[in-house]
Amino acid sequence: MPNYLLIFVAALVVTIVATPLARRAALGMNIIDQPESRKLHRAPVPLLGGVAIYAAFIAAILVFGEALNLPQLFGILIGATAVSALGVWDDRRKIRPLVKLGGQAAAALFVVATGTQVALFDNPADYAISVFWIVIITNALNLLDNMDGLSGGVAAVASGFFLLLALLQGQYLVATLSAALLGACLGFLWYNFNPASIFMGDAGSLFLGFVLAAVGIRLRFPGQLTAISWMIPVFVLGVPLFDTLLVVVSRLRRGLNPLTTPGRDHLSHRLVAIGLSQRRAVVTIYLMCVVLGVLGGVLVYSKLEIAYAIAGIASLAALSALVALERVNYGGLASASTP
């Protein structure tokens, strides 16, 4: 039986050791997020924390993982490496949004081609849905990286739930990826929780989103109806999806391009605008992730009527929250970090 605890600890320890090295490298190469009027931090903060997350994740899997000859694992690791490299490029040079999207789509296509795709309709539509899901979740985690500890913490909660669900279903590949990701995220939070001494940058947020998207696709529930099982990863990743929807609706309603307009209009910013501190806003979002993760776990054992009742209530609550939050005066379109 694979030693998931060892994989988790290895990723945790490597991240704790590697993050200060990444910080030093970022300072040496001047890959630094400078303070601006549109950002929350008031002092320069080095980027490249995502490189430490990536290195720890890969090292833990390659050293302590098993069945590395699986084409699905190979595809996920190569695709995740590609988007992380794309993120490093963007952190250093700043590339156009369409170029980023194109790179993400190409990496997603490679993952799908190596056997990681949804199984909803058993026709080519599954491939299109898989690519769309990977690109959406990849960008959702990137958008969520707008406050100290936010994207890394949300990814840790999501990977924790994926790990638990995979263990309950006896799924080695998903459990291995989730254990490594959980350890890497928690190790990075040691340095990234408010006040952060390093940011993960696009190298980290794109990588986290890509791996979580792939894990969500790989997770299977043989004893549950497909009409229910597809909702489980949506619930687990519900907060990043909600934040993305909120931002897109907000910017489109104001006649702005949601891809190119940086904005302090995210869920976290609006929570701060209604009176929470940055730390409390981030922890509140963590708790939202936990609630949705628990609901996702409930769906595993629910009948069709109960599952869709839960989904309906959650959707109504999300719509109500979106309407209420959209009315919050969040202080203008100034972003804390990347849009």
C-alpha atoms as a PDB file:
ATOM      1  CA  MET A   1       0.000   0.000   0.000  1.00  0.00           C
ATOM      2  CA  PRO A   2       1.413   3.423  -0.913  1.00  0.00           C
ATOM      3  CA  ASN A   3       2.666   5.498   2.014  1.00  0.00           C
ATOM      4  CA  TYR A   4       0.592   8.625   1.585  1.00  0.00           C
ATOM      5  CA  LEU A   5       1.787  10.021   4.917  1.00  0.00           C
ATOM      6  CA  LEU A   6       5.389   9.803   3.720  1.00  0.00           C
ATOM      7  CA  ILE A   7       4.491  11.571   0.468  1.00  0.00           C
ATOM      8  CA  PHE A   8       2.707  14.308   2.423  1.00  0.00           C
ATOM      9  CA  VAL A   9       5.589  14.799   4.894  1.00  0.00           C
ATOM     10  CA  ALA A  10       8.184  14.810   2.127  1.00  0.00           C
ATOM     11  CA  ALA A  11       6.335  17.531   0.209  1.00  0.00           C
ATOM     12  CA  LEU A  12       5.840  19.526   3.412  1.00  0.00           C
ATOM     13  CA  VAL A  13       9.499  19.383   4.430  1.00  0.00           C
ATOM     14  CA  VAL A  14      10.862  20.092   0.945  1.00  0.00           C
ATOM     15  CA  THR A  15       8.629  23.146   0.611  1.00  0.00           C
ATOM     16  CA  ILE A  16       9.687  24.494   4.004  1.00  0.00           C
ATOM     17  CA  VAL A  17      13.342  24.105   2.991  1.00  0.00           C
ATOM     18  CA  ALA A  18      12.983  25.227  -0.631  1.00  0.00           C
ATOM     19  CA  THR A  19      10.839  28.337  -0.141  1.00  0.00           C
ATOM     20  CA  PRO A  20      13.615  30.481   1.420  1.00  0.00           C
ATOM     21  CA  LEU A  21      15.879  29.386  -1.438  1.00  0.00           C
ATOM     22  CA  ALA A  22      13.226  30.443  -3.946  1.00  0.00           C
ATOM     23  CA  ARG A  23      12.924  33.761  -2.136  1.00  0.00           C
ATOM     24  CA  ARG A  24      16.671  34.313  -2.377  1.00  0.00           C
ATOM     25  CA  ALA A  25      16.634  33.410  -6.071  1.00  0.00           C
ATOM     26  CA  ALA A  26      13.757  35.795  -6.749  1.00  0.00           C
ATOM     27  CA  LEU A  27      15.632  38.629  -5.062  1.00  0.00           C
ATOM     28  CA  GLY A  28      18.779  37.811  -7.027  1.00  0.00           C
ATOM     29  CA  MET A  29      16.926  37.770 -10.352  1.00  0.00           C
ATOM     30  CA  ASN A  30      14.752  40.757  -9.394  1.00  0.00           C
ATOM     31  CA  ILE A  31      11.539  38.789  -9.792  1.00  0.00           C
ATOM     32  CA  ILE A  32       9.684  40.907  -7.281  1.00  0.00           C
ATOM     33  CA  ASP A  33       6.125  42.128  -6.920  1.00  0.00           C
ATOM     34  CA  GLN A  34       6.502  45.861  -6.434  1.00  0.00           C
ATOM     35  CA  PRO A  35       3.947  47.788  -4.357  1.00  0.00           C
ATOM     36  CA  GLU A  36       1.514  49.908  -6.358  1.00  0.00           C
ATOM     37  CA  SER A  37      -1.633  51.865  -5.613  1.00  0.00           C
ATOM     38  CA  ARG A  38      -3.726  48.961  -6.886  1.00  0.00           C
ATOM     39  CA  LYS A  39      -2.064  46.431  -4.551  1.00  0.00           C
ATOM     40  CA  LEU A  40      -2.455  45.712  -0.850  1.00  0.00           C
ATOM     41  CA  HIS A  41       1.178  45.144   0.133  1.00  0.00           C
ATOM     42  CA  ARG A  42       3.284  48.223   0.860  1.00  0.00           C
ATOM     43  CA  ALA A  43       6.779  46.746   0.455  1.00  0.00           C
ATOM     44  CA  PRO A  44       8.401  44.741  -2.353  1.00  0.00           C
ATOM     45  CA  VAL A  45       7.700  41.015  -2.044  1.00  0.00           C
ATOM     46  CA  PRO A  46       9.687  38.366  -3.956  1.00  0.00           C
ATOM     47  CA  LEU A  47       7.839  35.949  -6.196  1.00  0.00           C
ATOM     48  CA  LEU A  48       8.810  32.387  -7.261  1.00  0.00           C
ATOM     49  CA  GLY A  49       7.272  30.715  -4.220  1.00  0.00           C
ATOM     50  CA  GLY A  50       5.415  28.607  -6.752  1.00  0.00           C
ATOM     51  CA  VAL A  51       8.726  27.100  -7.855  1.00  0.00           C
ATOM     52  CA  ALA A  52       9.214  25.728  -4.331  1.00  0.00           C
ATOM     53  CA  ILE A  53       5.682  24.308  -4.347  1.00  0.00           C
ATOM     54  CA  TYR A  54       6.293  22.691  -7.721  1.00  0.00           C
ATOM     55  CA  ALA A  55       9.689  21.263  -6.727  1.00  0.00           C
ATOM     56  CA  ALA A  56       8.328  19.758  -3.506  1.00  0.00           C
ATOM     57  CA  PHE A  57       5.325  18.231  -5.256  1.00  0.00           C
ATOM     58  CA  ILE A  58       7.423  16.638  -7.996  1.00  0.00           C
ATOM     59  CA  ALA A  59      10.140  15.428  -5.613  1.00  0.00           C
ATOM     60  CA  ALA A  60       7.655  13.773  -3.237  1.00  0.00           C
ATOM     61  CA  ILE A  61       5.946  11.915  -6.080  1.00  0.00           C
ATOM     62  CA  LEU A  62       9.101  10.847  -7.906  1.00  0.00           C
ATOM     63  CA  VAL A  63      10.864   9.635  -4.749  1.00  0.00           C
ATOM     64  CA  PHE A  64       8.004   8.086  -2.796  1.00  0.00           C
ATOM     65  CA  GLY A  65       5.261   7.511  -5.361  1.00  0.00           C
ATOM     66  CA  GLU A  66       4.567   4.238  -7.115  1.00  0.00           C
ATOM     67  CA  ALA A  67       3.339   3.157 -10.544  1.00  0.00           C
ATOM     68  CA  LEU A  68       5.138   6.051 -12.200  1.00  0.00           C
ATOM     69  CA  ASN A  69       4.693   4.337 -15.557  1.00  0.00           C
ATOM     70  CA  LEU A  70       1.009   5.263 -15.613  1.00  0.00           C
ATOM     71  CA  PRO A  71       0.429   7.396 -18.728  1.00  0.00           C
ATOM     72  CA  GLN A  72      -2.161   9.455 -16.829  1.00  0.00           C
ATOM     73  CA  LEU A  73       0.366  10.419 -14.146  1.00  0.00           C
ATOM     74  CA  PHE A  74       2.968  11.173 -16.803  1.00  0.00           C
ATOM     75  CA  GLY A  75       0.513  13.423 -18.625  1.00  0.00           C
ATOM     76  CA  ILE A  76      -0.476  15.316 -15.481  1.00  0.00           C
ATOM     77  CA  LEU A  77       3.123  15.888 -14.402  1.00  0.00           C
ATOM     78  CA  ILE A  78       4.190  17.100 -17.858  1.00  0.00           C
ATOM     79  CA  GLY A  79       1.152  19.350 -18.194  1.00  0.00           C
ATOM     80  CA  ALA A  80       1.649  20.778 -14.706  1.00  0.00           C
ATOM     81  CA  THR A  81       5.325  21.387 -15.453  1.00  0.00           C
ATOM     82  CA  ALA A  82       4.390  23.273 -18.614  1.00  0.00           C
ATOM     83  CA  VAL A  83       1.917  25.601 -16.896  1.00  0.00           C
ATOM     84  CA  SER A  84       4.316  26.215 -14.014  1.00  0.00           C
ATOM     85  CA  ALA A  85       7.032  27.179 -16.510  1.00  0.00           C
ATOM     86  CA  LEU A  86       4.500  29.424 -18.244  1.00  0.00           C
ATOM     87  CA  GLY A  87       3.846  31.038 -14.869  1.00  0.00           C
ATOM     88  CA  VAL A  88       7.558  31.651 -14.260  1.00  0.00           C
ATOM     89  CA  TRP A  89       7.751  33.311 -17.663  1.00  0.00           C
ATOM     90  CA  ASP A  90       4.785  35.509 -16.814  1.00  0.00           C
ATOM     91  CA  ASP A  91       6.213  36.397 -13.387  1.00  0.00           C
ATOM     92  CA  ARG A  92       9.410  37.564 -15.031  1.00  0.00           C
ATOM     93  CA  ARG A  93       8.330  39.020 -18.372  1.00  0.00           C
ATOM     94  CA  LYS A  94       4.536  39.448 -18.217  1.00  0.00           C
ATOM     95  CA  ILE A  95       2.906  37.756 -21.176  1.00  0.00           C
ATOM     96  CA  ARG A  96      -0.402  38.488 -22.862  1.00  0.00           C
ATOM     97  CA  PRO A  97      -3.527  36.840 -21.431  1.00  0.00           C
ATOM     98  CA  LEU A  98      -4.312  35.070 -24.708  1.00  0.00           C
ATOM     99  CA  VAL A  99      -0.817  33.557 -24.773  1.00  0.00           C
ATOM    100  CA  LYS A 100      -1.343  32.277 -21.225  1.00  0.00           C
ATOM    101  CA  LEU A 101      -4.709  30.810 -22.174  1.00  0.00           C
ATOM    102  CA  GLY A 102      -3.219  29.174 -25.245  1.00  0.00           C
ATOM    103  CA  GLY A 103      -0.446  27.579 -23.206  1.00  0.00           C
ATOM    104  CA  GLN A 104      -2.910  26.319 -20.618  1.00  0.00           C
ATOM    105  CA  ALA A 105      -5.165  24.862 -23.311  1.00  0.00           C
ATOM    106  CA  ALA A 106      -2.219  23.081 -24.937  1.00  0.00           C
ATOM    107  CA  ALA A 107      -1.180  21.577 -21.588  1.00  0.00           C
ATOM    108  CA  ALA A 108      -4.794  20.550 -20.929  1.00  0.00           C
ATOM    109  CA  LEU A 109      -5.003  18.870 -24.332  1.00  0.00           C
ATOM    110  CA  PHE A 110      -1.883  16.865 -23.514  1.00  0.00           C
ATOM    111  CA  VAL A 111      -3.381  15.711 -20.215  1.00  0.00           C
ATOM    112  CA  VAL A 112      -6.610  14.682 -21.939  1.00  0.00           C
ATOM    113  CA  ALA A 113      -4.685  12.881 -24.688  1.00  0.00           C
ATOM    114  CA  THR A 114      -2.844  10.795 -22.075  1.00  0.00           C
ATOM    115  CA  GLY A 115      -6.064   9.492 -20.543  1.00  0.00           C
ATOM    116  CA  THR A 116      -7.350  12.043 -18.050  1.00  0.00           C
ATOM    117  CA  GLN A 117     -10.833  13.102 -19.096  1.00  0.00           C
ATOM    118  CA  VAL A 118     -14.342  13.204 -17.716  1.00  0.00           C
ATOM    119  CA  ALA A 119     -16.711  10.340 -18.453  1.00  0.00           C
ATOM    120  CA  LEU A 120     -20.095  12.003 -18.768  1.00  0.00           C
ATOM    121  CA  PHE A 121     -21.335  11.271 -22.285  1.00  0.00           C
ATOM    122  CA  ASP A 122     -18.864   8.721 -23.679  1.00  0.00           C
ATOM    123  CA  ASN A 123     -18.380  10.803 -26.825  1.00  0.00           C
ATOM    124  CA  PRO A 124     -16.032  13.596 -28.008  1.00  0.00           C
ATOM    125  CA  ALA A 125     -17.915  16.119 -25.869  1.00  0.00           C
ATOM    126  CA  ASP A 126     -16.087  14.641 -22.872  1.00  0.00           C
ATOM    127  CA  TYR A 127     -12.756  15.811 -24.296  1.00  0.00           C
ATOM    128  CA  ALA A 128     -13.992  19.370 -24.806  1.00  0.00           C
ATOM    129  CA  ILE A 129     -15.491  19.474 -21.310  1.00  0.00           C
ATOM    130  CA  SER A 130     -12.233  18.169 -19.836  1.00  0.00           C
ATOM    131  CA  VAL A 131     -10.115  20.862 -21.500  1.00  0.00           C
ATOM    132  CA  PHE A 132     -12.629  23.550 -20.516  1.00  0.00           C
ATOM    133  CA  TRP A 133     -12.651  22.368 -16.887  1.00  0.00           C
ATOM    134  CA  ILE A 134      -8.855  22.315 -16.634  1.00  0.00           C
ATOM    135  CA  VAL A 135      -8.494  25.800 -18.104  1.00  0.00           C
ATOM    136  CA  ILE A 136     -11.277  27.232 -15.925  1.00  0.00           C
ATOM    137  CA  ILE A 137      -9.927  25.808 -12.659  1.00  0.00           C
ATOM    138  CA  THR A 138      -6.352  26.757 -13.563  1.00  0.00           C
ATOM    139  CA  ASN A 139      -7.414  30.376 -14.011  1.00  0.00           C
ATOM    140  CA  ALA A 140      -9.753  30.305 -11.005  1.00  0.00           C
ATOM    141  CA  LEU A 141      -6.822  29.554  -8.672  1.00  0.00           C
ATOM    142  CA  ASN A 142      -4.782  32.214 -10.460  1.00  0.00           C
ATOM    143  CA  LEU A 143      -7.537  34.778  -9.936  1.00  0.00           C
ATOM    144  CA  LEU A 144      -7.874  33.720  -6.299  1.00  0.00           C
ATOM    145  CA  ASP A 145      -4.216  34.549  -5.628  1.00  0.00           C
ATOM    146  CA  ASN A 146      -5.017  38.091  -4.512  1.00  0.00           C
ATOM    147  CA  MET A 147      -4.412  38.067  -0.756  1.00  0.00           C
ATOM    148  CA  ASP A 148      -1.780  36.583   1.547  1.00  0.00           C
ATOM    149  CA  GLY A 149      -2.337  32.860   2.100  1.00  0.00           C
ATOM    150  CA  LEU A 150      -5.536  32.692   0.076  1.00  0.00           C
ATOM    151  CA  SER A 151      -4.809  30.597  -2.999  1.00  0.00           C
ATOM    152  CA  GLY A 152      -2.437  28.276  -1.143  1.00  0.00           C
ATOM    153  CA  GLY A 153      -4.874  27.765   1.717  1.00  0.00           C
ATOM    154  CA  VAL A 154      -7.846  27.100  -0.533  1.00  0.00           C
ATOM    155  CA  ALA A 155      -5.747  24.636  -2.537  1.00  0.00           C
ATOM    156  CA  ALA A 156      -4.730  22.923   0.712  1.00  0.00           C
ATOM    157  CA  VAL A 157      -8.360  22.518   1.807  1.00  0.00           C
ATOM    158  CA  ALA A 158      -9.406  21.229  -1.622  1.00  0.00           C
ATOM    159  CA  SER A 159      -6.505  18.784  -1.863  1.00  0.00           C
ATOM    160  CA  GLY A 160      -7.279  17.591   1.661  1.00  0.00           C
ATOM    161  CA  PHE A 161     -10.832  16.725   0.676  1.00  0.00           C
ATOM    162  CA  PHE A 162      -9.674  15.103  -2.556  1.00  0.00           C
ATOM    163  CA  LEU A 163      -7.210  13.023  -0.531  1.00  0.00           C
ATOM    164  CA  LEU A 164      -9.925  11.896   1.882  1.00  0.00           C
ATOM    165  CA  LEU A 165     -12.345  11.029  -0.911  1.00  0.00           C
ATOM    166  CA  ALA A 166      -9.646   9.162  -2.842  1.00  0.00           C
ATOM    167  CA  LEU A 167      -8.706   7.118   0.227  1.00  0.00           C
ATOM    168  CA  LEU A 168     -12.350   6.206   0.799  1.00  0.00           C
ATOM    169  CA  GLN A 169     -12.631   5.102  -2.838  1.00  0.00           C
ATOM    170  CA  GLY A 170      -9.252   3.325  -2.909  1.00  0.00           C
ATOM    171  CA  GLN A 171      -7.837   5.460  -5.729  1.00  0.00           C
ATOM    172  CA  TYR A 172      -4.043   5.468  -5.641  1.00  0.00           C
ATOM    173  CA  LEU A 173      -3.287   8.069  -8.301  1.00  0.00           C
ATOM    174  CA  VAL A 174      -5.623  10.746  -6.923  1.00  0.00           C
ATOM    175  CA  ALA A 175      -4.506  10.078  -3.346  1.00  0.00           C
ATOM    176  CA  THR A 176      -0.834  10.363  -4.306  1.00  0.00           C
ATOM    177  CA  LEU A 177      -1.293  13.659  -6.131  1.00  0.00           C
ATOM    178  CA  SER A 178      -3.506  15.065  -3.371  1.00  0.00           C
ATOM    179  CA  ALA A 179      -1.132  14.087  -0.554  1.00  0.00           C
ATOM    180  CA  ALA A 180       1.813  15.729  -2.312  1.00  0.00           C
ATOM    181  CA  LEU A 181      -0.165  18.864  -3.100  1.00  0.00           C
ATOM    182  CA  LEU A 182      -1.492  19.151   0.458  1.00  0.00           C
ATOM    183  CA  GLY A 183       1.999  18.926   1.927  1.00  0.00           C
ATOM    184  CA  ALA A 184       3.422  21.456  -0.522  1.00  0.00           C
ATOM    185  CA  CYS A 185       0.623  23.958   0.125  1.00  0.00           C
ATOM    186  CA  LEU A 186       0.874  23.718   3.910  1.00  0.00           C
ATOM    187  CA  GLY A 187       4.653  24.100   3.786  1.00  0.00           C
ATOM    188  CA  PHE A 188       4.338  27.222   1.659  1.00  0.00           C
ATOM    189  CA  LEU A 189       1.682  28.758   3.934  1.00  0.00           C
ATOM    190  CA  TRP A 190       4.347  28.940   6.659  1.00  0.00           C
ATOM    191  CA  TYR A 191       5.843  31.816   4.655  1.00  0.00           C
ATOM    192  CA  ASN A 192       2.807  33.067   2.759  1.00  0.00           C
ATOM    193  CA  PHE A 193       0.155  33.593   5.443  1.00  0.00           C
ATOM    194  CA  ASN A 194      -0.339  37.245   6.322  1.00  0.00           C
ATOM    195  CA  PRO A 195       2.057  39.004   6.459  1.00  0.00           C
ATOM    196  CA  ALA A 196       3.626  37.109   3.555  1.00  0.00           C
ATOM    197  CA  SER A 197       7.380  37.124   3.039  1.00  0.00           C
ATOM    198  CA  ILE A 198       7.047  35.587  -0.431  1.00  0.00           C
ATOM    199  CA  PHE A 199       4.316  35.226  -3.064  1.00  0.00           C
ATOM    200  CA  MET A 200       3.730  32.097  -5.139  1.00  0.00           C
ATOM    201  CA  GLY A 201       3.237  34.114  -8.337  1.00  0.00           C
ATOM    202  CA  ASP A 202       1.702  32.638 -11.467  1.00  0.00           C
ATOM    203  CA  ALA A 203       4.248  29.825 -11.279  1.00  0.00           C
ATOM    204  CA  GLY A 204       2.373  28.596  -8.217  1.00  0.00           C
ATOM    205  CA  SER A 205      -1.247  29.572  -8.763  1.00  0.00           C
ATOM    206  CA  LEU A 206      -1.413  28.186 -12.312  1.00  0.00           C
ATOM    207  CA  PHE A 207       0.271  24.992 -11.145  1.00  0.00           C
ATOM    208  CA  LEU A 208      -2.116  24.527  -8.205  1.00  0.00           C
ATOM    209  CA  GLY A 209      -5.174  25.097 -10.357  1.00  0.00           C
ATOM    210  CA  PHE A 210      -3.964  22.734 -13.059  1.00  0.00           C
ATOM    211  CA  VAL A 211      -3.240  19.866 -10.665  1.00  0.00           C
ATOM    212  CA  LEU A 212      -6.504  20.331  -8.759  1.00  0.00           C
ATOM    213  CA  ALA A 213      -8.438  20.308 -12.029  1.00  0.00           C
ATOM    214  CA  ALA A 214      -6.755  17.085 -13.115  1.00  0.00           C
ATOM    215  CA  VAL A 215      -7.319  15.477  -9.719  1.00  0.00           C
ATOM    216  CA  GLY A 216     -10.995  16.421  -9.870  1.00  0.00           C
ATOM    217  CA  ILE A 217     -11.297  14.679 -13.221  1.00  0.00           C
ATOM    218  CA  ARG A 218      -9.413  11.555 -12.118  1.00  0.00           C
ATOM    219  CA  LEU A 219     -11.552  11.081  -9.008  1.00  0.00           C
ATOM    220  CA  ARG A 220     -14.130   8.374  -9.615  1.00  0.00           C
ATOM    221  CA  PHE A 221     -17.104   7.115  -7.599  1.00  0.00           C
ATOM    222  CA  PRO A 222     -18.027   3.678  -9.001  1.00  0.00           C
ATOM    223  CA  GLY A 223     -20.922   3.194  -6.608  1.00  0.00           C
ATOM    224  CA  GLN A 224     -22.541   6.529  -7.395  1.00  0.00           C
ATOM    225  CA  LEU A 225     -24.591   7.775 -10.355  1.00  0.00           C
ATOM    226  CA  THR A 226     -22.756   9.899 -12.924  1.00  0.00           C
ATOM    227  CA  ALA A 227     -25.618  12.387 -12.585  1.00  0.00           C
ATOM    228  CA  ILE A 228     -24.394  12.983  -9.033  1.00  0.00           C
ATOM    229  CA  SER A 229     -20.659  12.258  -9.118  1.00  0.00           C
ATOM    230  CA  TRP A 230     -19.868  15.094 -11.547  1.00  0.00           C
ATOM    231  CA  MET A 231     -20.982  17.605  -8.906  1.00  0.00           C
ATOM    232  CA  ILE A 232     -18.549  16.438  -6.231  1.00  0.00           C
ATOM    233  CA  PRO A 233     -15.367  18.143  -7.571  1.00  0.00           C
ATOM    234  CA  VAL A 234     -17.479  21.206  -8.413  1.00  0.00           C
ATOM    235  CA  PHE A 235     -18.431  21.485  -4.735  1.00  0.00           C
ATOM    236  CA  VAL A 236     -14.864  20.891  -3.532  1.00  0.00           C
ATOM    237  CA  LEU A 237     -13.626  23.669  -5.847  1.00  0.00           C
ATOM    238  CA  GLY A 238     -16.748  25.771  -5.399  1.00  0.00           C
ATOM    239  CA  VAL A 239     -15.054  28.799  -3.818  1.00  0.00           C
ATOM    240  CA  PRO A 240     -12.562  29.428  -6.667  1.00  0.00           C
ATOM    241  CA  LEU A 241     -15.402  28.948  -9.156  1.00  0.00           C
ATOM    242  CA  PHE A 242     -17.624  31.386  -7.249  1.00  0.00           C
ATOM    243  CA  ASP A 243     -14.845  33.982  -7.031  1.00  0.00           C
ATOM    244  CA  THR A 244     -14.266  33.713 -10.782  1.00  0.00           C
ATOM    245  CA  LEU A 245     -17.982  34.095 -11.502  1.00  0.00           C
ATOM    246  CA  LEU A 246     -18.188  37.111  -9.191  1.00  0.00           C
ATOM    247  CA  VAL A 247     -15.246  38.803 -10.890  1.00  0.00           C
ATOM    248  CA  VAL A 248     -16.476  38.070 -14.425  1.00  0.00           C
ATOM    249  CA  VAL A 249     -20.005  39.306 -13.677  1.00  0.00           C
ATOM    250  CA  SER A 250     -18.680  42.394 -11.915  1.00  0.00           C
ATOM    251  CA  ARG A 251     -16.356  43.389 -14.732  1.00  0.00           C
ATOM    252  CA  LEU A 252     -18.736  42.603 -17.568  1.00  0.00           C
ATOM    253  CA  ARG A 253     -21.479  44.585 -15.852  1.00  0.00           C
ATOM    254  CA  ARG A 254     -19.140  47.560 -15.853  1.00  0.00           C
ATOM    255  CA  GLY A 255     -18.160  47.066 -19.484  1.00  0.00           C
ATOM    256  CA  LEU A 256     -14.648  45.826 -18.628  1.00  0.00           C
ATOM    257  CA  ASN A 257     -12.650  42.926 -20.043  1.00  0.00           C
ATOM    258  CA  PRO A 258     -12.531  40.257 -17.302  1.00  0.00           C
ATOM    259  CA  LEU A 259      -9.260  38.853 -18.663  1.00  0.00           C
ATOM    260  CA  THR A 260      -7.221  42.046 -18.875  1.00  0.00           C
ATOM    261  CA  THR A 261      -8.701  44.319 -16.204  1.00  0.00           C
ATOM    262  CA  PRO A 262      -6.997  44.017 -12.808  1.00  0.00           C
ATOM    263  CA  GLY A 263      -9.443  44.577 -10.010  1.00  0.00           C
ATOM    264  CA  ARG A 264      -9.828  44.671  -6.272  1.00  0.00           C
ATOM    265  CA  ASP A 265     -13.255  43.186  -6.828  1.00  0.00           C
ATOM    266  CA  HIS A 266     -12.712  39.621  -5.640  1.00  0.00           C
ATOM    267  CA  LEU A 267     -14.555  37.799  -2.872  1.00  0.00           C
ATOM    268  CA  SER A 268     -11.692  38.445  -0.456  1.00  0.00           C
ATOM    269  CA  HIS A 269     -11.622  42.181  -1.162  1.00  0.00           C
ATOM    270  CA  ARG A 270     -15.362  42.492  -0.659  1.00  0.00           C
ATOM    271  CA  LEU A 271     -15.153  40.684   2.678  1.00  0.00           C
ATOM    272  CA  VAL A 272     -12.505  43.182   3.754  1.00  0.00           C
ATOM    273  CA  ALA A 273     -14.736  46.005   2.491  1.00  0.00           C
ATOM    274  CA  ILE A 274     -17.561  44.930   4.807  1.00  0.00           C
ATOM    275  CA  GLY A 275     -15.261  45.066   7.829  1.00  0.00           C
ATOM    276  CA  LEU A 276     -13.130  41.913   8.072  1.00  0.00           C
ATOM    277  CA  SER A 277      -9.370  42.095   8.410  1.00  0.00           C
ATOM    278  CA  GLN A 278      -7.306  40.426   5.708  1.00  0.00           C
ATOM    279  CA  ARG A 279      -6.585  37.463   7.961  1.00  0.00           C
ATOM    280  CA  ARG A 280     -10.225  37.019   8.938  1.00  0.00           C
ATOM    281  CA  ALA A 281     -11.340  37.331   5.326  1.00  0.00           C
ATOM    282  CA  VAL A 282      -8.917  34.580   4.297  1.00  0.00           C
ATOM    283  CA  VAL A 283      -9.921  32.309   7.187  1.00  0.00           C
ATOM    284  CA  THR A 284     -13.599  32.922   6.381  1.00  0.00           C
ATOM    285  CA  ILE A 285     -12.961  31.746   2.831  1.00  0.00           C
ATOM    286  CA  TYR A 286     -11.154  28.679   4.190  1.00  0.00           C
ATOM    287  CA  LEU A 287     -14.288  27.860   6.204  1.00  0.00           C
ATOM    288  CA  MET A 288     -16.435  28.278   3.093  1.00  0.00           C
ATOM    289  CA  CYS A 289     -14.199  25.734   1.364  1.00  0.00           C
ATOM    290  CA  VAL A 290     -14.604  23.316   4.263  1.00  0.00           C
ATOM    291  CA  VAL A 291     -18.406  23.620   4.195  1.00  0.00           C
ATOM    292  CA  LEU A 292     -18.530  22.998   0.448  1.00  0.00           C
ATOM    293  CA  GLY A 293     -16.066  20.130   0.769  1.00  0.00           C
ATOM    294  CA  VAL A 294     -18.256  18.478   3.396  1.00  0.00           C
ATOM    295  CA  LEU A 295     -21.296  18.897   1.151  1.00  0.00           C
ATOM    296  CA  GLY A 296     -19.321  17.322  -1.683  1.00  0.00           C
ATOM    297  CA  GLY A 297     -18.570  14.386   0.579  1.00  0.00           C
ATOM    298  CA  VAL A 298     -22.257  14.052   1.464  1.00  0.00           C
ATOM    299  CA  LEU A 299     -23.077  13.758  -2.244  1.00  0.00           C
ATOM    300  CA  VAL A 300     -20.961  10.601  -2.450  1.00  0.00           C
ATOM    301  CA  TYR A 301     -23.568   8.762  -0.376  1.00  0.00           C
ATOM    302  CA  SER A 302     -26.726  10.641  -1.438  1.00  0.00           C
ATOM    303  CA  LYS A 303     -29.632   9.541  -3.555  1.00  0.00           C
ATOM    304  CA  LEU A 304     -30.495  11.513  -6.678  1.00  0.00           C
ATOM    305  CA  GLU A 305     -33.285  13.561  -5.107  1.00  0.00           C
ATOM    306  CA  ILE A 306     -31.223  14.495  -2.050  1.00  0.00           C
ATOM    307  CA  ALA A 307     -28.171  15.329  -4.156  1.00  0.00           C
ATOM    308  CA  TYR A 308     -30.055  17.707  -6.412  1.00  0.00           C
ATOM    309  CA  ALA A 309     -31.828  19.269  -3.453  1.00  0.00           C
ATOM    310  CA  ILE A 310     -28.402  20.022  -1.933  1.00  0.00           C
ATOM    311  CA  ALA A 311     -27.161  21.350  -5.278  1.00  0.00           C
ATOM    312  CA  GLY A 312     -30.261  23.510  -5.684  1.00  0.00           C
ATOM    313  CA  ILE A 313     -29.982  25.035  -2.220  1.00  0.00           C
ATOM    314  CA  ALA A 314     -26.232  25.642  -2.695  1.00  0.00           C
ATOM    315  CA  SER A 315     -26.854  27.278  -6.080  1.00  0.00           C
ATOM    316  CA  LEU A 316     -29.540  29.539  -4.622  1.00  0.00           C
ATOM    317  CA  ALA A 317     -27.229  30.507  -1.761  1.00  0.00           C
ATOM    318  CA  ALA A 318     -24.411  31.239  -4.231  1.00  0.00           C
ATOM    319  CA  LEU A 319     -26.691  33.381  -6.392  1.00  0.00           C
ATOM    320  CA  SER A 320     -27.905  35.326  -3.357  1.00  0.00           C
ATOM    321  CA  ALA A 321     -24.329  35.844  -2.178  1.00  0.00           C
ATOM    322  CA  LEU A 322     -23.269  36.991  -5.640  1.00  0.00           C
ATOM    323  CA  VAL A 323     -26.055  39.596  -5.764  1.00  0.00           C
ATOM    324  CA  ALA A 324     -25.298  40.816  -2.243  1.00  0.00           C
ATOM    325  CA  LEU A 325     -21.519  40.957  -2.741  1.00  0.00           C
ATOM    326  CA  GLU A 326     -21.856  42.710  -6.080  1.00  0.00           C
ATOM    327  CA  ARG A 327     -23.493  45.597  -4.215  1.00  0.00           C
ATOM    328  CA  VAL A 328     -20.538  45.963  -1.835  1.00  0.00           C
ATOM    329  CA  ASN A 329     -18.403  49.047  -2.330  1.00  0.00           C
ATOM    330  CA  TYR A 330     -15.011  47.358  -2.541  1.00  0.00           C
ATOM    331  CA  GLY A 331     -12.929  50.448  -3.267  1.00  0.00           C
ATOM    332  CA  GLY A 332     -12.464  50.411  -7.015  1.00  0.00           C
ATOM    333  CA  LEU A 333     -10.762  48.289  -9.635  1.00  0.00           C
ATOM    334  CA  ALA A 334      -7.388  47.951  -7.986  1.00  0.00           C
ATOM    335  CA  SER A 335      -5.926  44.494  -7.677  1.00  0.00           C
ATOM    336  CA  ALA A 336      -3.963  43.066  -4.771  1.00  0.00           C
ATOM    337  CA  SER A 337      -1.820  41.042  -7.134  1.00  0.00           C
ATOM    338  CA  THR A 338      -2.505  39.450 -10.475  1.00  0.00           C
ATOM    339  CA  PRO A 339      -6.063  39.944 -11.797  1.00  0.00           C
END
